[in-house]
Amino acid sequence: MKFTIIQSKLVGPLQLISGAVEKRQTLPVLANLLIKIEKGLLSITATDLEIEMSVNINLENDSLDGDITVPARKLVDICRSLPVDGVINIELLDSKLIVKCGRSKFTLSTISAQEFPNIEDSLFSTEFVISSSDFKRTIDKTQFAMAQQDVRYYLNGMLIELDQDKLLTVATDGHRLALSRLTLNAKVCDDLVQVIIPRKGVLEAGKLLSSIDEEATVSLNSNHIRITIGQFVFTSKLVDGRFPDYGKVLPKNAERILLCEKESIKEAFSRASILCNDKFRGVRLTLSENKLTINANNPEQEEAEIELDVEYNDKEMEIGFNVSYLLDAVNAIKSDKVKFCLGDSNSSVLIEASEDADSAYVVMPMRL
């Protein structure tokens, strides 16, 4: 195996797909990248058995076919260290990968390509095309609410729901829920389709979508999701579980409406958070006519009180929330004004943009 490539053409794709490499691998080969040359096409693949990312690059110079796996982190670091316009010569000699550029030479250990696991290829039953920026924006509006290492494994990921021409993403950790809606350019299914993408798959797909501003083809079946965009192919196994019924979580009797400027309440929550309990992050909201008071305190008996002018014309009430969850929701909303829909002091709050809301956020109350 032998090929030549410019550093700038190789290092970006290498960095992008190496995110799929398992950090704490049980198999040594999972720390490696699969490099394959066939008829002038260079393909590089990374996997952790749950997700797989690959890139195809057309080589401009003569090459020799072959395949091998090499340590991902070392190859990425070597290529990053070389000049942007440097010509990199890569050759497989006696089971070692030789990387040369100018007067620099590196010799890397290898593992046979036959030991590299592939996510099995399968037929996809549902497919749609979406701009990478729209898909990334929809993911960004919800991914922060995914659980981390929850025993309810189906919460450690994101629900993607397709209903005719509607795309919905939902994430929840049991304490809060984030939901985003998007209308696609065409009808993609007759029956409701729901899949759960694992947390790492969501994060790596997001990086891919943000790096390439092109249309993405998204393919789904009962076991996998595949995103093809430009020269990259991302594949992830799906979480085998039933996602909670998000419709039951959305508050039904939240008739007390508070309207406020997004930046004002964001700053107020941030200030209050400075003196709230580091572990529980609780703040108390006191609502009165056209005024919101935010109180926070901590075990050191330090206190913060912030008053804010708002639009509110209902009964006075007090309610407690995790301020980090409130800030996450407000940050995800892109309008100038934010609407808080409340029931009573024991009910969840629904947070959304003041108008044309294509996303919704639910935060459960805290006892303070």
Protein backbone atom coordinates (compact mmCIF):
# COMPACT_ATOMS: atom_id res chain seq x y z
CA MET A 1 0.00 0.00 0.00
CA LYS A 2 1.35 3.39 -0.96
CA PHE A 3 -0.04 6.89 -1.60
CA THR A 4 0.79 10.61 -1.57
CA ILE A 5 -1.48 13.40 -0.31
CA ILE A 6 -1.32 17.09 0.67
CA GLN A 7 -1.50 17.68 4.45
CA SER A 8 -4.45 20.10 4.20
CA LYS A 9 -6.50 17.50 2.32
CA LEU A 10 -5.91 14.81 4.94
CA VAL A 11 -5.78 16.39 8.39
CA GLY A 12 -9.35 17.79 8.53
CA PRO A 13 -11.09 14.52 7.62
CA LEU A 14 -8.74 12.61 9.96
CA GLN A 15 -9.62 14.81 12.93
CA LEU A 16 -13.33 14.58 12.19
CA ILE A 17 -13.63 10.80 11.95
CA SER A 18 -11.19 10.08 14.80
CA GLY A 19 -13.93 11.22 17.20
CA ALA A 20 -15.52 7.81 16.68
CA VAL A 21 -12.46 6.03 18.08
CA GLU A 22 -13.11 4.38 21.44
CA LYS A 23 -11.28 6.21 24.26
CA ARG A 24 -11.23 3.21 26.63
CA GLN A 25 -11.10 0.40 24.13
CA THR A 26 -11.39 -3.27 25.09
CA LEU A 27 -9.95 -4.33 21.72
CA PRO A 28 -6.59 -2.82 20.68
CA VAL A 29 -7.78 -2.49 17.06
CA LEU A 30 -10.53 -0.07 18.17
CA ALA A 31 -7.81 2.51 18.89
CA ASN A 32 -6.85 2.31 15.22
CA LEU A 33 -8.05 3.75 11.93
CA LEU A 34 -8.66 1.47 8.96
CA ILE A 35 -6.86 2.84 5.89
CA LYS A 36 -7.75 1.34 2.53
CA ILE A 37 -6.63 2.18 -1.01
CA GLU A 38 -8.60 0.85 -3.97
CA LYS A 39 -8.31 2.15 -7.54
CA GLY A 40 -7.13 5.60 -6.54
CA LEU A 41 -9.71 6.03 -3.76
CA LEU A 42 -8.49 6.45 -0.18
CA SER A 43 -11.01 5.45 2.49
CA ILE A 44 -10.39 5.90 6.22
CA THR A 45 -12.72 4.42 8.85
CA ALA A 46 -13.02 4.70 12.65
CA THR A 47 -15.37 2.76 14.95
CA ASP A 48 -16.10 1.96 18.59
CA LEU A 49 -18.57 -0.84 17.65
CA GLU A 50 -21.49 1.53 18.38
CA ILE A 51 -20.77 4.23 15.83
CA GLU A 52 -18.69 4.22 12.65
CA MET A 53 -17.37 7.16 10.63
CA SER A 54 -15.63 6.96 7.28
CA VAL A 55 -14.32 9.37 4.66
CA ASN A 56 -13.51 8.81 0.99
CA ILE A 57 -10.81 10.92 -0.69
CA ASN A 58 -9.89 10.78 -4.37
CA LEU A 59 -6.12 10.60 -4.76
CA GLU A 60 -4.57 12.79 -7.46
CA ASN A 61 -1.31 10.83 -7.77
CA ASP A 62 -0.46 7.19 -8.45
CA SER A 63 -1.09 4.80 -5.58
CA LEU A 64 -0.77 1.12 -4.67
CA ASP A 65 -3.86 -0.72 -3.41
CA GLY A 66 -3.89 -2.26 0.06
CA ASP A 67 -5.32 -1.92 3.56
CA ILE A 68 -4.04 -1.72 7.15
CA THR A 69 -4.98 -0.23 10.54
CA VAL A 70 -2.81 2.28 12.43
CA PRO A 71 -3.07 4.10 15.80
CA ALA A 72 -5.58 6.92 15.30
CA ARG A 73 -4.31 9.43 17.86
CA LYS A 74 -0.68 9.14 16.73
CA LEU A 75 -1.49 9.46 13.03
CA VAL A 76 -3.71 12.51 13.66
CA ASP A 77 -1.05 14.19 15.82
CA ILE A 78 1.67 13.50 13.26
CA CYS A 79 -0.37 14.93 10.38
CA ARG A 80 -1.39 17.99 12.41
CA SER A 81 2.26 18.73 13.18
CA LEU A 82 3.25 18.84 9.49
CA PRO A 83 3.16 21.97 7.26
CA VAL A 84 -0.26 22.79 5.75
CA ASP A 85 1.14 22.62 2.21
CA GLY A 86 3.40 19.65 2.98
CA VAL A 87 3.32 16.59 0.72
CA ILE A 88 2.82 13.45 2.85
CA ASN A 89 4.06 10.11 1.54
CA ILE A 90 2.54 7.07 3.26
CA GLU A 91 3.73 3.53 2.59
CA LEU A 92 3.25 0.10 4.19
CA LEU A 93 6.59 -1.72 4.57
CA ASP A 94 7.12 -4.95 6.54
CA SER A 95 3.96 -4.44 8.65
CA LYS A 96 4.99 -0.88 9.55
CA LEU A 97 3.40 2.30 8.23
CA ILE A 98 6.03 4.80 7.08
CA VAL A 99 4.93 8.46 7.03
CA LYS A 100 7.30 10.91 5.33
CA CYS A 101 7.03 14.65 4.80
CA GLY A 102 10.03 16.78 3.84
CA ARG A 103 12.86 15.78 6.17
CA SER A 104 10.56 14.16 8.75
CA LYS A 105 9.93 10.41 8.92
CA PHE A 106 7.66 8.43 11.26
CA THR A 107 7.30 4.66 11.63
CA LEU A 108 4.01 3.43 13.10
CA SER A 109 2.95 -0.01 14.33
CA THR A 110 -0.03 -1.62 12.60
CA ILE A 111 -2.73 -4.25 13.10
CA SER A 112 -4.11 -6.29 10.21
CA ALA A 113 -7.18 -4.84 8.47
CA GLN A 114 -8.86 -8.24 8.82
CA GLU A 115 -9.16 -7.64 12.58
CA PHE A 116 -11.01 -4.34 12.11
CA PRO A 117 -14.75 -4.71 12.90
CA ASN A 118 -17.36 -3.23 10.58
CA ILE A 119 -20.93 -2.31 11.46
CA GLU A 120 -22.88 -4.69 9.27
CA ASP A 121 -24.32 -3.18 6.10
CA SER A 122 -28.07 -3.31 5.97
CA LEU A 123 -31.04 -2.09 3.97
CA PHE A 124 -32.66 1.16 5.09
CA SER A 125 -36.44 1.47 5.09
CA THR A 126 -36.76 5.25 5.56
CA GLU A 127 -34.72 8.01 3.95
CA PHE A 128 -34.90 11.80 3.77
CA VAL A 129 -32.73 14.72 2.67
CA ILE A 130 -32.15 17.74 4.91
CA SER A 131 -29.71 20.63 4.95
CA SER A 132 -26.88 19.98 7.40
CA SER A 133 -27.44 23.37 9.09
CA ASP A 134 -31.16 22.69 9.70
CA PHE A 135 -30.46 19.23 11.11
CA LYS A 136 -27.65 20.54 13.33
CA ARG A 137 -29.85 23.37 14.61
CA THR A 138 -32.62 20.91 15.51
CA ILE A 139 -30.15 18.66 17.34
CA ASP A 140 -28.59 21.61 19.19
CA LYS A 141 -31.98 22.69 20.51
CA THR A 142 -32.45 19.38 22.33
CA GLN A 143 -29.18 17.50 22.89
CA PHE A 144 -28.28 19.24 26.18
CA ALA A 145 -31.22 17.50 27.91
CA MET A 146 -29.90 13.97 27.22
CA ALA A 147 -29.08 11.91 30.30
CA GLN A 148 -25.53 10.75 31.06
CA GLN A 149 -24.97 7.19 32.28
CA ASP A 150 -28.56 6.80 33.47
CA VAL A 151 -29.63 3.25 34.33
CA ARG A 152 -32.64 3.96 32.11
CA TYR A 153 -30.42 3.50 29.08
CA TYR A 154 -33.04 4.81 26.63
CA LEU A 155 -32.60 8.29 28.20
CA ASN A 156 -28.89 8.33 27.29
CA GLY A 157 -29.72 9.47 23.78
CA MET A 158 -32.11 11.42 21.59
CA LEU A 159 -35.44 10.46 20.08
CA ILE A 160 -35.88 11.17 16.38
CA GLU A 161 -39.50 10.97 15.29
CA LEU A 162 -40.75 11.15 11.71
CA ASP A 163 -44.42 11.67 10.93
CA GLN A 164 -45.09 12.17 7.21
CA ASP A 165 -43.18 15.44 6.51
CA LYS A 166 -42.51 16.35 10.18
CA LEU A 167 -39.21 15.77 12.01
CA LEU A 168 -39.15 15.90 15.80
CA THR A 169 -36.15 15.59 18.15
CA VAL A 170 -36.68 15.00 21.88
CA ALA A 171 -34.29 14.51 24.79
CA THR A 172 -34.92 14.12 28.52
CA ASP A 173 -32.97 13.14 31.63
CA GLY A 174 -36.07 12.70 33.79
CA HIS A 175 -35.78 16.19 35.33
CA ARG A 176 -36.25 18.25 32.17
CA LEU A 177 -37.27 17.73 28.56
CA ALA A 178 -36.30 19.47 25.32
CA LEU A 179 -38.28 19.17 22.08
CA SER A 180 -37.74 20.66 18.62
CA ARG A 181 -39.91 20.49 15.49
CA LEU A 182 -38.99 20.87 11.82
CA THR A 183 -40.99 20.52 8.59
CA LEU A 184 -39.15 18.63 5.83
CA ASN A 185 -39.34 19.42 2.12
CA ALA A 186 -41.27 16.23 1.33
CA LYS A 187 -43.28 13.45 2.92
CA VAL A 188 -40.88 10.70 4.03
CA CYS A 189 -43.15 8.09 5.65
CA ASP A 190 -46.78 7.05 6.01
CA ASP A 191 -46.53 5.58 9.50
CA LEU A 192 -44.91 7.09 12.57
CA VAL A 193 -41.17 6.27 12.82
CA GLN A 194 -39.33 6.57 16.15
CA VAL A 195 -35.66 5.77 16.80
CA ILE A 196 -33.28 6.56 19.68
CA ILE A 197 -29.73 7.61 18.79
CA PRO A 198 -27.15 6.99 21.56
CA ARG A 199 -25.53 10.00 23.22
CA LYS A 200 -22.11 9.64 21.59
CA GLY A 201 -23.75 9.19 18.19
CA VAL A 202 -25.67 12.45 18.64
CA LEU A 203 -22.53 14.37 19.63
CA GLU A 204 -20.37 13.02 16.80
CA ALA A 205 -23.13 13.49 14.21
CA GLY A 206 -23.42 17.09 15.40
CA LYS A 207 -19.71 17.70 14.80
CA LEU A 208 -19.99 16.28 11.30
CA LEU A 209 -23.06 18.34 10.41
CA SER A 210 -21.50 21.57 11.67
CA SER A 211 -18.31 21.08 9.65
CA ILE A 212 -19.93 20.61 6.22
CA ASP A 213 -22.56 22.97 4.83
CA GLU A 214 -24.24 20.61 2.36
CA GLU A 215 -27.39 18.54 2.10
CA ALA A 216 -27.32 15.39 4.20
CA THR A 217 -29.05 12.13 3.34
CA VAL A 218 -30.41 10.46 6.48
CA SER A 219 -31.28 6.75 6.29
CA LEU A 220 -33.04 4.73 9.01
CA ASN A 221 -34.03 1.19 9.82
CA SER A 222 -34.85 -0.62 13.05
CA ASN A 223 -31.18 -1.02 14.02
CA HIS A 224 -29.17 1.84 12.49
CA ILE A 225 -29.12 5.46 11.40
CA ARG A 226 -26.82 6.56 8.59
CA ILE A 227 -25.95 10.13 7.61
CA THR A 228 -24.20 10.64 4.27
CA ILE A 229 -22.84 14.12 3.66
CA GLY A 230 -20.21 15.05 1.10
CA GLN A 231 -17.33 12.58 1.32
CA PHE A 232 -18.33 11.39 4.82
CA VAL A 233 -20.55 8.51 5.98
CA PHE A 234 -21.67 8.32 9.63
CA THR A 235 -23.41 5.18 10.92
CA SER A 236 -24.70 4.54 14.44
CA LYS A 237 -26.46 1.66 16.10
CA LEU A 238 -29.77 2.63 17.71
CA VAL A 239 -30.73 2.26 21.35
CA ASP A 240 -33.05 -0.72 21.77
CA GLY A 241 -35.69 0.69 24.09
CA ARG A 242 -38.95 2.61 24.33
CA PHE A 243 -38.66 6.37 24.75
CA PRO A 244 -41.03 7.98 27.31
CA ASP A 245 -44.26 9.47 25.95
CA TYR A 246 -43.15 13.10 25.72
CA GLY A 247 -46.75 14.23 25.12
CA LYS A 248 -47.62 13.33 28.72
CA VAL A 249 -44.75 15.47 30.02
CA LEU A 250 -45.88 18.70 28.34
CA PRO A 251 -47.93 20.68 30.93
CA LYS A 252 -51.65 20.77 30.11
CA ASN A 253 -52.93 23.41 32.57
CA ALA A 254 -50.08 25.91 32.50
CA GLU A 255 -52.33 28.97 32.26
CA ARG A 256 -50.19 31.49 34.15
CA ILE A 257 -48.09 33.23 31.50
CA LEU A 258 -44.91 35.20 32.17
CA LEU A 259 -43.27 37.08 29.28
CA CYS A 260 -39.82 38.62 29.51
CA GLU A 261 -36.80 39.75 27.51
CA LYS A 262 -34.52 36.79 26.85
CA GLU A 263 -31.25 38.59 27.62
CA SER A 264 -32.61 40.13 30.84
CA ILE A 265 -33.75 36.86 32.37
CA LYS A 266 -30.65 35.03 31.15
CA GLU A 267 -28.47 37.59 32.96
CA ALA A 268 -30.65 37.41 36.08
CA PHE A 269 -30.45 33.60 36.26
CA SER A 270 -26.67 33.76 35.72
CA ARG A 271 -26.24 36.26 38.57
CA ALA A 272 -28.40 34.25 40.96
CA SER A 273 -26.51 31.05 40.12
CA ILE A 274 -23.29 32.52 41.58
CA LEU A 275 -24.58 32.04 45.13
CA CYS A 276 -26.82 28.99 44.77
CA ASN A 277 -25.99 25.59 46.24
CA ASP A 278 -23.28 24.02 44.04
CA LYS A 279 -24.84 20.58 44.33
CA PHE A 280 -28.57 21.24 43.92
CA ARG A 281 -28.45 24.53 41.95
CA GLY A 282 -31.85 25.60 43.28
CA VAL A 283 -33.35 29.09 42.91
CA ARG A 284 -36.73 30.38 44.12
CA LEU A 285 -38.89 32.37 41.70
CA THR A 286 -41.51 34.71 43.21
CA LEU A 287 -44.05 36.01 40.72
CA SER A 288 -46.15 39.11 41.38
CA GLU A 289 -47.79 41.68 39.12
CA ASN A 290 -45.26 42.55 36.38
CA LYS A 291 -42.36 41.57 38.64
CA LEU A 292 -40.18 38.49 39.06
CA THR A 293 -37.91 38.05 42.08
CA ILE A 294 -35.18 35.41 41.93
CA ASN A 295 -33.63 34.23 45.22
CA ALA A 296 -30.67 31.93 45.75
CA ASN A 297 -28.70 30.86 48.83
CA ASN A 298 -26.06 28.32 49.83
CA PRO A 299 -24.84 26.42 52.94
CA GLU A 300 -22.46 29.34 53.74
CA GLN A 301 -25.61 31.44 54.36
CA GLU A 302 -24.84 33.69 51.42
CA GLU A 303 -27.81 35.04 49.47
CA ALA A 304 -28.64 36.61 46.13
CA GLU A 305 -31.84 38.47 45.25
CA ILE A 306 -32.52 39.79 41.76
CA GLU A 307 -35.65 41.67 40.70
CA LEU A 308 -36.81 41.85 37.12
CA ASP A 309 -39.60 43.67 35.27
CA VAL A 310 -41.72 41.16 33.35
CA GLU A 311 -45.18 40.86 31.82
CA TYR A 312 -47.25 38.90 34.34
CA ASN A 313 -50.87 39.53 35.39
CA ASP A 314 -51.98 36.57 37.47
CA LYS A 315 -51.97 35.33 41.07
CA GLU A 316 -48.79 35.63 43.12
CA MET A 317 -46.86 32.38 43.39
CA GLU A 318 -43.53 30.91 44.48
CA ILE A 319 -41.78 28.01 42.79
CA GLY A 320 -38.27 26.52 42.83
CA PHE A 321 -36.15 25.26 39.94
CA ASN A 322 -32.65 24.07 39.10
CA VAL A 323 -31.16 27.27 37.66
CA SER A 324 -28.84 25.36 35.29
CA TYR A 325 -31.86 23.73 33.63
CA LEU A 326 -33.56 27.13 33.24
CA LEU A 327 -30.42 28.63 31.70
CA ASP A 328 -30.02 25.73 29.25
CA ALA A 329 -33.59 26.21 28.04
CA VAL A 330 -33.33 30.00 27.71
CA ASN A 331 -29.99 29.71 25.87
CA ALA A 332 -31.54 27.31 23.34
CA ILE A 333 -34.30 29.79 22.44
CA LYS A 334 -33.38 32.19 19.64
CA SER A 335 -36.16 34.80 19.92
CA ASP A 336 -35.89 38.15 21.74
CA LYS A 337 -38.67 37.27 24.18
CA VAL A 338 -39.24 34.11 26.22
CA LYS A 339 -42.56 32.76 27.49
CA PHE A 340 -42.87 30.82 30.77
CA CYS A 341 -46.14 28.87 31.13
CA LEU A 342 -46.84 27.87 34.74
CA GLY A 343 -49.55 25.98 36.60
CA ASP A 344 -49.02 25.92 40.38
CA SER A 345 -45.98 25.66 42.66
CA ASN A 346 -45.88 21.86 42.25
CA SER A 347 -46.15 21.80 38.45
CA SER A 348 -43.53 21.82 35.72
CA VAL A 349 -42.88 24.97 33.70
CA LEU A 350 -43.12 25.08 29.90
CA ILE A 351 -40.56 27.45 28.36
CA GLU A 352 -40.73 28.51 24.72
CA ALA A 353 -40.23 31.43 22.37
CA SER A 354 -42.90 34.12 22.69
CA GLU A 355 -44.13 33.46 19.14
CA ASP A 356 -43.58 30.97 16.29
CA ALA A 357 -42.25 28.41 18.76
CA ASP A 358 -40.62 25.46 16.99
CA SER A 359 -39.13 24.18 20.24
CA ALA A 360 -40.38 23.64 23.79
CA TYR A 361 -38.66 23.02 27.11
CA VAL A 362 -40.12 21.50 30.26
CA VAL A 363 -38.41 21.78 33.66
CA MET A 364 -39.68 20.02 36.78
CA PRO A 365 -39.93 22.08 39.99
CA MET A 366 -37.71 21.66 43.06
CA ARG A 367 -38.64 21.79 46.72
CA LEU A 368 -36.53 24.46 48.41
